[in-house]
PDB file of N, CA and C in Angstrom:
ATOM      1  N   MET A   1     237.155  71.476  59.901  1.00  0.00           N
ATOM      2  CA  MET A   1     238.405  70.976  59.382  1.00  0.00           C
ATOM      3  C   MET A   1     238.212  70.538  57.927  1.00  0.00           C
ATOM      4  N   LYS A   2     239.116  70.957  57.075  1.00  0.00           N
ATOM      5  CA  LYS A   2     239.062  70.623  55.648  1.00  0.00           C
ATOM      6  C   LYS A   2     239.451  69.157  55.452  1.00  0.00           C
ATOM      7  N   PRO A   3     238.669  68.403  54.657  1.00  0.00           N
ATOM      8  CA  PRO A   3     239.031  67.001  54.424  1.00  0.00           C
ATOM      9  C   PRO A   3     240.312  66.876  53.598  1.00  0.00           C
ATOM     10  N   PHE A   4     241.052  65.816  53.844  1.00  0.00           N
ATOM     11  CA  PHE A   4     242.248  65.485  53.083  1.00  0.00           C
ATOM     12  C   PHE A   4     241.800  65.007  51.706  1.00  0.00           C
ATOM     13  N   THR A   5     242.395  65.539  50.640  1.00  0.00           N
ATOM     14  CA  THR A   5     241.949  65.246  49.277  1.00  0.00           C
ATOM     15  C   THR A   5     243.071  64.636  48.435  1.00  0.00           C
ATOM     16  N   LEU A   6     242.701  64.181  47.248  1.00  0.00           N
ATOM     17  CA  LEU A   6     243.678  63.673  46.288  1.00  0.00           C
ATOM     18  C   LEU A   6     244.708  64.753  45.963  1.00  0.00           C
ATOM     19  N   ALA A   7     244.266  65.986  45.786  1.00  0.00           N
ATOM     20  CA  ALA A   7     245.196  67.088  45.493  1.00  0.00           C
ATOM     21  C   ALA A   7     246.194  67.274  46.639  1.00  0.00           C
ATOM     22  N   ASP A   8     245.728  67.147  47.883  1.00  0.00           N
ATOM     23  CA  ASP A   8     246.629  67.240  49.039  1.00  0.00           C
ATOM     24  C   ASP A   8     247.654  66.107  48.999  1.00  0.00           C
ATOM     25  N   ALA A   9     247.194  64.905  48.658  1.00  0.00           N
ATOM     26  CA  ALA A   9     248.077  63.743  48.597  1.00  0.00           C
ATOM     27  C   ALA A   9     249.154  63.927  47.534  1.00  0.00           C
ATOM     28  N   VAL A  10     248.772  64.427  46.370  1.00  0.00           N
ATOM     29  CA  VAL A  10     249.734  64.652  45.285  1.00  0.00           C
ATOM     30  C   VAL A  10     250.822  65.630  45.731  1.00  0.00           C
ATOM     31  N   GLU A  11     250.457  66.618  46.528  1.00  0.00           N
ATOM     32  CA  GLU A  11     251.438  67.592  47.039  1.00  0.00           C
ATOM     33  C   GLU A  11     252.491  66.934  47.937  1.00  0.00           C
ATOM     34  N   LEU A  12     252.192  65.759  48.474  1.00  0.00           N
ATOM     35  CA  LEU A  12     253.120  65.064  49.372  1.00  0.00           C
ATOM     36  C   LEU A  12     254.135  64.187  48.640  1.00  0.00           C
ATOM     37  N   MET A  13     253.995  64.029  47.319  1.00  0.00           N
ATOM     38  CA  MET A  13     254.893  63.156  46.551  1.00  0.00           C
ATOM     39  C   MET A  13     256.361  63.450  46.869  1.00  0.00           C
ATOM     40  N   GLY A  14     257.092  62.393  47.240  1.00  0.00           N
ATOM     41  CA  GLY A  14     258.511  62.526  47.539  1.00  0.00           C
ATOM     42  C   GLY A  14     258.820  62.988  48.948  1.00  0.00           C
ATOM     43  N   ASP A  15     257.814  63.443  49.686  1.00  0.00           N
ATOM     44  CA  ASP A  15     258.041  63.934  51.049  1.00  0.00           C
ATOM     45  C   ASP A  15     258.359  62.795  52.007  1.00  0.00           C
ATOM     46  N   GLU A  16     259.048  63.145  53.072  1.00  0.00           N
ATOM     47  CA  GLU A  16     259.321  62.212  54.150  1.00  0.00           C
ATOM     48  C   GLU A  16     258.311  62.460  55.262  1.00  0.00           C
ATOM     49  N   LEU A  17     257.641  61.393  55.686  1.00  0.00           N
ATOM     50  CA  LEU A  17     256.711  61.453  56.807  1.00  0.00           C
ATOM     51  C   LEU A  17     257.318  60.653  57.948  1.00  0.00           C
ATOM     52  N   LEU A  18     257.150  61.129  59.167  1.00  0.00           N
ATOM     53  CA  LEU A  18     257.758  60.484  60.327  1.00  0.00           C
ATOM     54  C   LEU A  18     256.701  59.808  61.183  1.00  0.00           C
ATOM     55  N   ILE A  19     257.010  58.588  61.634  1.00  0.00           N
ATOM     56  CA  ILE A  19     256.167  57.836  62.559  1.00  0.00           C
ATOM     57  C   ILE A  19     256.961  57.682  63.850  1.00  0.00           C
ATOM     58  N   PRO A  20     256.407  58.103  64.997  1.00  0.00           N
ATOM     59  CA  PRO A  20     257.126  57.901  66.260  1.00  0.00           C
ATOM     60  C   PRO A  20     257.358  56.404  66.521  1.00  0.00           C
ATOM     61  N   LEU A  21     258.552  56.045  66.975  1.00  0.00           N
ATOM     62  CA  LEU A  21     258.846  54.654  67.314  1.00  0.00           C
ATOM     63  C   LEU A  21     258.076  54.268  68.574  1.00  0.00           C
ATOM     64  N   PRO A  22     257.612  53.024  68.655  1.00  0.00           N
ATOM     65  CA  PRO A  22     256.801  52.593  69.802  1.00  0.00           C
ATOM     66  C   PRO A  22     257.493  52.776  71.153  1.00  0.00           C
ATOM     67  N   ASP A  23     258.828  52.655  71.180  1.00  0.00           N
ATOM     68  CA  ASP A  23     259.539  52.782  72.458  1.00  0.00           C
ATOM     69  C   ASP A  23     259.852  54.238  72.814  1.00  0.00           C
ATOM     70  N   GLY A  24     259.417  55.181  71.959  1.00  0.00           N
ATOM     71  CA  GLY A  24     259.621  56.602  72.243  1.00  0.00           C
ATOM     72  C   GLY A  24     261.034  57.093  72.005  1.00  0.00           C
ATOM     73  N   SER A  25     261.882  56.275  71.383  1.00  0.00           N
ATOM     74  CA  SER A  25     263.290  56.641  71.204  1.00  0.00           C
ATOM     75  C   SER A  25     263.555  57.516  69.986  1.00  0.00           C
ATOM     76  N   GLY A  26     262.537  57.884  69.259  1.00  0.00           N
ATOM     77  CA  GLY A  26     262.731  58.701  68.064  1.00  0.00           C
ATOM     78  C   GLY A  26     261.607  58.475  67.086  1.00  0.00           C
ATOM     79  N   SER A  27     261.925  58.643  65.814  1.00  0.00           N
ATOM     80  CA  SER A  27     260.900  58.452  64.789  1.00  0.00           C
ATOM     81  C   SER A  27     261.494  57.687  63.611  1.00  0.00           C
ATOM     82  N   PHE A  28     260.601  57.143  62.805  1.00  0.00           N
ATOM     83  CA  PHE A  28     260.953  56.311  61.665  1.00  0.00           C
ATOM     84  C   PHE A  28     260.430  56.980  60.399  1.00  0.00           C
ATOM     85  N   PRO A  29     261.287  57.233  59.382  1.00  0.00           N
ATOM     86  CA  PRO A  29     260.825  57.925  58.177  1.00  0.00           C
ATOM     87  C   PRO A  29     260.212  56.981  57.134  1.00  0.00           C
ATOM     88  N   LEU A  30     259.145  57.448  56.516  1.00  0.00           N
ATOM     89  CA  LEU A  30     258.556  56.803  55.344  1.00  0.00           C
ATOM     90  C   LEU A  30     258.486  57.853  54.245  1.00  0.00           C
ATOM     91  N   ARG A  31     258.845  57.466  53.015  1.00  0.00           N
ATOM     92  CA  ARG A  31     258.803  58.396  51.882  1.00  0.00           C
ATOM     93  C   ARG A  31     257.544  58.129  51.064  1.00  0.00           C
ATOM     94  N   VAL A  32     256.856  59.211  50.676  1.00  0.00           N
ATOM     95  CA  VAL A  32     255.677  59.085  49.817  1.00  0.00           C
ATOM     96  C   VAL A  32     256.179  58.761  48.414  1.00  0.00           C
ATOM     97  N   ALA A  33     255.963  57.502  47.984  1.00  0.00           N
ATOM     98  CA  ALA A  33     256.502  57.018  46.714  1.00  0.00           C
ATOM     99  C   ALA A  33     255.548  57.242  45.550  1.00  0.00           C
ATOM    100  N   SER A  34     254.239  57.117  45.796  1.00  0.00           N
ATOM    101  CA  SER A  34     253.275  57.328  44.713  1.00  0.00           C
ATOM    102  C   SER A  34     251.897  57.624  45.279  1.00  0.00           C
ATOM    103  N   VAL A  35     251.094  58.263  44.439  1.00  0.00           N
ATOM    104  CA  VAL A  35     249.696  58.568  44.751  1.00  0.00           C
ATOM    105  C   VAL A  35     248.894  58.146  43.534  1.00  0.00           C
ATOM    106  N   GLN A  36     247.810  57.408  43.766  1.00  0.00           N
ATOM    107  CA  GLN A  36     247.014  56.920  42.637  1.00  0.00           C
ATOM    108  C   GLN A  36     245.531  57.190  42.861  1.00  0.00           C
ATOM    109  N   ASP A  37     244.900  57.783  41.844  1.00  0.00           N
ATOM    110  CA  ASP A  37     243.445  57.955  41.848  1.00  0.00           C
ATOM    111  C   ASP A  37     242.838  56.571  41.682  1.00  0.00           C
ATOM    112  N   ARG A  38     241.939  56.196  42.567  1.00  0.00           N
ATOM    113  CA  ARG A  38     241.337  54.859  42.554  1.00  0.00           C
ATOM    114  C   ARG A  38     239.901  54.869  42.051  1.00  0.00           C
ATOM    115  N   GLY A  39     239.579  55.814  41.179  1.00  0.00           N
ATOM    116  CA  GLY A  39     238.245  55.833  40.596  1.00  0.00           C
ATOM    117  C   GLY A  39     237.306  56.793  41.292  1.00  0.00           C
ATOM    118  N   SER A  40     237.713  58.025  41.418  1.00  0.00           N
ATOM    119  CA  SER A  40     236.852  59.025  42.035  1.00  0.00           C
ATOM    120  C   SER A  40     235.571  59.189  41.226  1.00  0.00           C
ATOM    121  N   THR A  41     234.482  59.493  41.922  1.00  0.00           N
ATOM    122  CA  THR A  41     233.171  59.672  41.298  1.00  0.00           C
ATOM    123  C   THR A  41     232.641  61.050  41.663  1.00  0.00           C
ATOM    124  N   ALA A  42     231.416  61.339  41.256  1.00  0.00           N
ATOM    125  CA  ALA A  42     230.798  62.620  41.593  1.00  0.00           C
ATOM    126  C   ALA A  42     230.620  62.771  43.103  1.00  0.00           C
ATOM    127  N   HIS A  43     230.502  61.656  43.815  1.00  0.00           N
ATOM    128  CA  HIS A  43     230.208  61.715  45.248  1.00  0.00           C
ATOM    129  C   HIS A  43     231.374  61.335  46.159  1.00  0.00           C
ATOM    130  N   PHE A  44     232.356  60.620  45.617  1.00  0.00           N
ATOM    131  CA  PHE A  44     233.484  60.166  46.423  1.00  0.00           C
ATOM    132  C   PHE A  44     234.798  60.441  45.710  1.00  0.00           C
ATOM    133  N   GLU A  45     235.807  60.786  46.503  1.00  0.00           N
ATOM    134  CA  GLU A  45     237.170  60.902  45.997  1.00  0.00           C
ATOM    135  C   GLU A  45     237.935  59.725  46.596  1.00  0.00           C
ATOM    136  N   GLN A  46     238.380  58.805  45.746  1.00  0.00           N
ATOM    137  CA  GLN A  46     239.033  57.591  46.213  1.00  0.00           C
ATOM    138  C   GLN A  46     240.450  57.541  45.657  1.00  0.00           C
ATOM    139  N   PHE A  47     241.423  57.366  46.562  1.00  0.00           N
ATOM    140  CA  PHE A  47     242.819  57.351  46.149  1.00  0.00           C
ATOM    141  C   PHE A  47     243.644  56.560  47.152  1.00  0.00           C
ATOM    142  N   SER A  48     244.852  56.220  46.732  1.00  0.00           N
ATOM    143  CA  SER A  48     245.771  55.530  47.632  1.00  0.00           C
ATOM    144  C   SER A  48     247.133  56.208  47.591  1.00  0.00           C
ATOM    145  N   ILE A  49     247.851  56.030  48.683  1.00  0.00           N
ATOM    146  CA  ILE A  49     249.205  56.560  48.826  1.00  0.00           C
ATOM    147  C   ILE A  49     250.116  55.387  49.162  1.00  0.00           C
ATOM    148  N   VAL A  50     251.203  55.243  48.406  1.00  0.00           N
ATOM    149  CA  VAL A  50     252.194  54.210  48.684  1.00  0.00           C
ATOM    150  C   VAL A  50     253.390  54.880  49.342  1.00  0.00           C
ATOM    151  N   LEU A  51     253.820  54.296  50.459  1.00  0.00           N
ATOM    152  CA  LEU A  51     254.951  54.811  51.230  1.00  0.00           C
ATOM    153  C   LEU A  51     256.028  53.743  51.309  1.00  0.00           C
ATOM    154  N   GLU A  52     257.289  54.177  51.339  1.00  0.00           N
ATOM    155  CA  GLU A  52     258.412  53.249  51.426  1.00  0.00           C
ATOM    156  C   GLU A  52     259.289  53.602  52.614  1.00  0.00           C
ATOM    157  N   GLY A  53     259.758  52.569  53.305  1.00  0.00           N
ATOM    158  CA  GLY A  53     260.680  52.755  54.417  1.00  0.00           C
ATOM    159  C   GLY A  53     261.734  51.667  54.400  1.00  0.00           C
ATOM    160  N   ASP A  54     262.824  51.889  55.133  1.00  0.00           N
ATOM    161  CA  ASP A  54     263.862  50.860  55.167  1.00  0.00           C
ATOM    162  C   ASP A  54     263.437  49.731  56.112  1.00  0.00           C
ATOM    163  N   MET A  55     264.241  48.697  56.172  1.00  0.00           N
ATOM    164  CA  MET A  55     263.874  47.489  56.909  1.00  0.00           C
ATOM    165  C   MET A  55     264.227  47.545  58.395  1.00  0.00           C
ATOM    166  N   ARG A  56     264.761  48.663  58.889  1.00  0.00           N
ATOM    167  CA  ARG A  56     265.149  48.687  60.303  1.00  0.00           C
ATOM    168  C   ARG A  56     263.944  48.662  61.231  1.00  0.00           C
ATOM    169  N   CYS A  57     262.781  49.032  60.712  1.00  0.00           N
ATOM    170  CA  CYS A  57     261.554  48.992  61.502  1.00  0.00           C
ATOM    171  C   CYS A  57     260.424  48.569  60.565  1.00  0.00           C
ATOM    172  N   VAL A  58     259.938  47.343  60.739  1.00  0.00           N
ATOM    173  CA  VAL A  58     258.852  46.834  59.899  1.00  0.00           C
ATOM    174  C   VAL A  58     257.552  46.984  60.673  1.00  0.00           C
ATOM    175  N   LEU A  59     256.590  47.669  60.062  1.00  0.00           N
ATOM    176  CA  LEU A  59     255.312  47.938  60.716  1.00  0.00           C
ATOM    177  C   LEU A  59     254.285  46.877  60.345  1.00  0.00           C
ATOM    178  N   SER A  60     253.470  46.482  61.310  1.00  0.00           N
ATOM    179  CA  SER A  60     252.325  45.618  61.043  1.00  0.00           C
ATOM    180  C   SER A  60     251.184  46.485  60.548  1.00  0.00           C
ATOM    181  N   GLN A  61     250.166  45.864  59.982  1.00  0.00           N
ATOM    182  CA  GLN A  61     248.969  46.598  59.567  1.00  0.00           C
ATOM    183  C   GLN A  61     248.371  47.295  60.784  1.00  0.00           C
ATOM    184  N   GLY A  62     248.006  48.571  60.624  1.00  0.00           N
ATOM    185  CA  GLY A  62     247.392  49.292  61.728  1.00  0.00           C
ATOM    186  C   GLY A  62     247.358  50.783  61.489  1.00  0.00           C
ATOM    187  N   THR A  63     246.825  51.495  62.466  1.00  0.00           N
ATOM    188  CA  THR A  63     246.726  52.952  62.399  1.00  0.00           C
ATOM    189  C   THR A  63     247.945  53.563  63.074  1.00  0.00           C
ATOM    190  N   PHE A  64     248.573  54.515  62.385  1.00  0.00           N
ATOM    191  CA  PHE A  64     249.793  55.137  62.877  1.00  0.00           C
ATOM    192  C   PHE A  64     249.692  56.653  62.793  1.00  0.00           C
ATOM    193  N   ALA A  65     250.300  57.321  63.770  1.00  0.00           N
ATOM    194  CA  ALA A  65     250.431  58.776  63.732  1.00  0.00           C
ATOM    195  C   ALA A  65     251.575  59.104  62.780  1.00  0.00           C
ATOM    196  N   LEU A  66     251.345  60.065  61.889  1.00  0.00           N
ATOM    197  CA  LEU A  66     252.381  60.510  60.958  1.00  0.00           C
ATOM    198  C   LEU A  66     252.523  62.020  61.069  1.00  0.00           C
ATOM    199  N   ARG A  67     253.752  62.503  60.844  1.00  0.00           N
ATOM    200  CA  ARG A  67     254.022  63.941  60.830  1.00  0.00           C
ATOM    201  C   ARG A  67     254.838  64.277  59.596  1.00  0.00           C
ATOM    202  N   GLY A  68     254.549  65.436  59.023  1.00  0.00           N
ATOM    203  CA  GLY A  68     255.319  65.910  57.883  1.00  0.00           C
ATOM    204  C   GLY A  68     255.175  67.414  57.767  1.00  0.00           C
ATOM    205  N   LEU A  69     256.113  68.048  57.070  1.00  0.00           N
ATOM    206  CA  LEU A  69     256.070  69.505  56.938  1.00  0.00           C
ATOM    207  C   LEU A  69     254.791  69.973  56.260  1.00  0.00           C
ATOM    208  N   LYS A  70     254.413  69.347  55.152  1.00  0.00           N
ATOM    209  CA  LYS A  70     253.184  69.738  54.446  1.00  0.00           C
ATOM    210  C   LYS A  70     251.951  69.084  55.058  1.00  0.00           C
ATOM    211  N   LEU A  71     252.095  67.843  55.528  1.00  0.00           N
ATOM    212  CA  LEU A  71     250.960  67.091  56.063  1.00  0.00           C
ATOM    213  C   LEU A  71     250.512  67.616  57.415  1.00  0.00           C
ATOM    214  N   GLY A  72     251.460  68.069  58.226  1.00  0.00           N
ATOM    215  CA  GLY A  72     251.134  68.364  59.619  1.00  0.00           C
ATOM    216  C   GLY A  72     251.076  67.034  60.351  1.00  0.00           C
ATOM    217  N   GLU A  73     250.036  66.833  61.157  1.00  0.00           N
ATOM    218  CA  GLU A  73     249.865  65.562  61.861  1.00  0.00           C
ATOM    219  C   GLU A  73     248.602  64.878  61.387  1.00  0.00           C
ATOM    220  N   ALA A  74     248.673  63.560  61.223  1.00  0.00           N
ATOM    221  CA  ALA A  74     247.515  62.780  60.771  1.00  0.00           C
ATOM    222  C   ALA A  74     247.658  61.354  61.283  1.00  0.00           C
ATOM    223  N   HIS A  75     246.554  60.641  61.307  1.00  0.00           N
ATOM    224  CA  HIS A  75     246.541  59.216  61.640  1.00  0.00           C
ATOM    225  C   HIS A  75     246.033  58.463  60.416  1.00  0.00           C
ATOM    226  N   TRP A  76     246.858  57.566  59.886  1.00  0.00           N
ATOM    227  CA  TRP A  76     246.503  56.793  58.698  1.00  0.00           C
ATOM    228  C   TRP A  76     246.565  55.313  59.020  1.00  0.00           C
ATOM    229  N   PHE A  77     245.687  54.549  58.370  1.00  0.00           N
ATOM    230  CA  PHE A  77     245.713  53.092  58.456  1.00  0.00           C
ATOM    231  C   PHE A  77     246.643  52.595  57.353  1.00  0.00           C
ATOM    232  N   LEU A  78     247.748  51.964  57.744  1.00  0.00           N
ATOM    233  CA  LEU A  78     248.753  51.488  56.794  1.00  0.00           C
ATOM    234  C   LEU A  78     248.720  49.965  56.703  1.00  0.00           C
ATOM    235  N   VAL A  79     248.879  49.472  55.483  1.00  0.00           N
ATOM    236  CA  VAL A  79     248.915  48.037  55.217  1.00  0.00           C
ATOM    237  C   VAL A  79     250.229  47.719  54.512  1.00  0.00           C
ATOM    238  N   PRO A  80     251.028  46.784  55.039  1.00  0.00           N
ATOM    239  CA  PRO A  80     252.230  46.383  54.313  1.00  0.00           C
ATOM    240  C   PRO A  80     251.836  45.660  53.028  1.00  0.00           C
ATOM    241  N   ILE A  81     252.411  46.084  51.888  1.00  0.00           N
ATOM    242  CA  ILE A  81     252.025  45.488  50.599  1.00  0.00           C
ATOM    243  C   ILE A  81     253.208  44.920  49.824  1.00  0.00           C
ATOM    244  N   GLY A  82     254.428  45.132  50.298  1.00  0.00           N
ATOM    245  CA  GLY A  82     255.576  44.617  49.563  1.00  0.00           C
ATOM    246  C   GLY A  82     256.845  44.706  50.375  1.00  0.00           C
ATOM    247  N   ARG A  83     257.811  43.901  49.955  1.00  0.00           N
ATOM    248  CA  ARG A  83     259.083  43.855  50.668  1.00  0.00           C
ATOM    249  C   ARG A  83     260.180  43.508  49.676  1.00  0.00           C
ATOM    250  N   SER A  84     261.317  44.194  49.811  1.00  0.00           N
ATOM    251  CA  SER A  84     262.507  43.841  49.040  1.00  0.00           C
ATOM    252  C   SER A  84     263.642  43.664  50.041  1.00  0.00           C
ATOM    253  N   ASP A  85     264.854  43.476  49.563  1.00  0.00           N
ATOM    254  CA  ASP A  85     265.982  43.265  50.474  1.00  0.00           C
ATOM    255  C   ASP A  85     266.203  44.433  51.420  1.00  0.00           C
ATOM    256  N   ASP A  86     265.983  45.641  50.944  1.00  0.00           N
ATOM    257  CA  ASP A  86     266.310  46.812  51.760  1.00  0.00           C
ATOM    258  C   ASP A  86     265.141  47.756  52.012  1.00  0.00           C
ATOM    259  N   ARG A  87     263.934  47.380  51.579  1.00  0.00           N
ATOM    260  CA  ARG A  87     262.829  48.339  51.659  1.00  0.00           C
ATOM    261  C   ARG A  87     261.504  47.611  51.929  1.00  0.00           C
ATOM    262  N   MET A  88     260.644  48.274  52.711  1.00  0.00           N
ATOM    263  CA  MET A  88     259.292  47.792  52.970  1.00  0.00           C
ATOM    264  C   MET A  88     258.336  48.814  52.377  1.00  0.00           C
ATOM    265  N   THR A  89     257.258  48.344  51.764  1.00  0.00           N
ATOM    266  CA  THR A  89     256.284  49.221  51.118  1.00  0.00           C
ATOM    267  C   THR A  89     254.939  49.079  51.820  1.00  0.00           C
ATOM    268  N   TYR A  90     254.285  50.227  52.031  1.00  0.00           N
ATOM    269  CA  TYR A  90     252.994  50.285  52.721  1.00  0.00           C
ATOM    270  C   TYR A  90     252.007  51.065  51.861  1.00  0.00           C
ATOM    271  N   GLU A  91     250.714  50.825  52.083  1.00  0.00           N
ATOM    272  CA  GLU A  91     249.682  51.561  51.359  1.00  0.00           C
ATOM    273  C   GLU A  91     248.644  52.087  52.339  1.00  0.00           C
ATOM    274  N   ALA A  92     248.213  53.317  52.099  1.00  0.00           N
ATOM    275  CA  ALA A  92     247.080  53.923  52.808  1.00  0.00           C
ATOM    276  C   ALA A  92     246.021  54.217  51.757  1.00  0.00           C
ATOM    277  N   VAL A  93     244.780  53.794  52.004  1.00  0.00           N
ATOM    278  CA  VAL A  93     243.687  53.963  51.047  1.00  0.00           C
ATOM    279  C   VAL A  93     242.661  54.920  51.637  1.00  0.00           C
ATOM    280  N   PHE A  94     242.185  55.843  50.798  1.00  0.00           N
ATOM    281  CA  PHE A  94     241.243  56.873  51.243  1.00  0.00           C
ATOM    282  C   PHE A  94     239.991  56.858  50.378  1.00  0.00           C
ATOM    283  N   SER A  95     238.844  57.033  51.001  1.00  0.00           N
ATOM    284  CA  SER A  95     237.567  57.209  50.306  1.00  0.00           C
ATOM    285  C   SER A  95     236.861  58.364  51.009  1.00  0.00           C
ATOM    286  N   ILE A  96     236.902  59.528  50.392  1.00  0.00           N
ATOM    287  CA  ILE A  96     236.422  60.768  51.001  1.00  0.00           C
ATOM    288  C   ILE A  96     235.097  61.167  50.363  1.00  0.00           C
ATOM    289  N   VAL A  97     234.095  61.410  51.190  1.00  0.00           N
ATOM    290  CA  VAL A  97     232.808  61.886  50.683  1.00  0.00           C
ATOM    291  C   VAL A  97     232.979  63.341  50.271  1.00  0.00           C
ATOM    292  N   LYS A  98     232.613  63.648  49.025  1.00  0.00           N
ATOM    293  CA  LYS A  98     232.696  65.028  48.541  1.00  0.00           C
ATOM    294  C   LYS A  98     231.510  65.816  49.079  1.00  0.00           C
ATOM    295  N   PRO A  99     231.721  67.095  49.431  1.00  0.00           N
ATOM    296  CA  PRO A  99     230.590  67.913  49.875  1.00  0.00           C
ATOM    297  C   PRO A  99     229.581  68.083  48.742  1.00  0.00           C
ATOM    298  N   MET A 100     228.315  68.132  49.093  1.00  0.00           N
ATOM    299  CA  MET A 100     227.281  68.365  48.084  1.00  0.00           C
ATOM    300  C   MET A 100     227.400  69.799  47.592  1.00  0.00           C
ATOM    301  N   GLU A 101     227.198  70.003  46.295  1.00  0.00           N
ATOM    302  CA  GLU A 101     227.283  71.352  45.735  1.00  0.00           C
ATOM    303  C   GLU A 101     226.254  72.237  46.406  1.00  0.00           C
ATOM    304  N   GLY A 102     226.703  73.423  46.787  1.00  0.00           N
ATOM    305  CA  GLY A 102     225.816  74.384  47.430  1.00  0.00           C
ATOM    306  C   GLY A 102     225.703  74.193  48.928  1.00  0.00           C
ATOM    307  N   ALA A 103     226.275  73.104  49.469  1.00  0.00           N
ATOM    308  CA  ALA A 103     226.213  72.863  50.912  1.00  0.00           C
ATOM    309  C   ALA A 103     227.323  73.642  51.597  1.00  0.00           C
ATOM    310  N   ALA A 104     227.024  74.153  52.778  1.00  0.00           N
ATOM    311  CA  ALA A 104     228.037  74.866  53.558  1.00  0.00           C
ATOM    312  C   ALA A 104     229.027  73.851  54.101  1.00  0.00           C
ATOM    313  N   GLU A 105     230.327  74.204  54.070  1.00  0.00           N
ATOM    314  CA  GLU A 105     231.353  73.284  54.590  1.00  0.00           C
ATOM    315  C   GLU A 105     231.600  73.554  56.038  1.00  0.00           C
TER     316      GLU A 105
END
């Protein structure tokens, strides 16, 4: 399986990702609001993704299943980082080990 990368994250900008509601009654949309390189190095690719959702469903910090057209299915650890009158903001942080040059993937 190919690792999720900063380039993959950038492709998700503006996309809607769906999280199934805990009671199974449907899903809750989060929009990919921004992607930020967090200081990638020769050995690690480090980045964060900020997602925004409305206030009808406020998520606690934890791991959630997400689905999207480009993303497919993934499990991300989300942390609530901000709140306004009508919107909740979450962040997912990634630190991916880069394959060694010449190593088989």
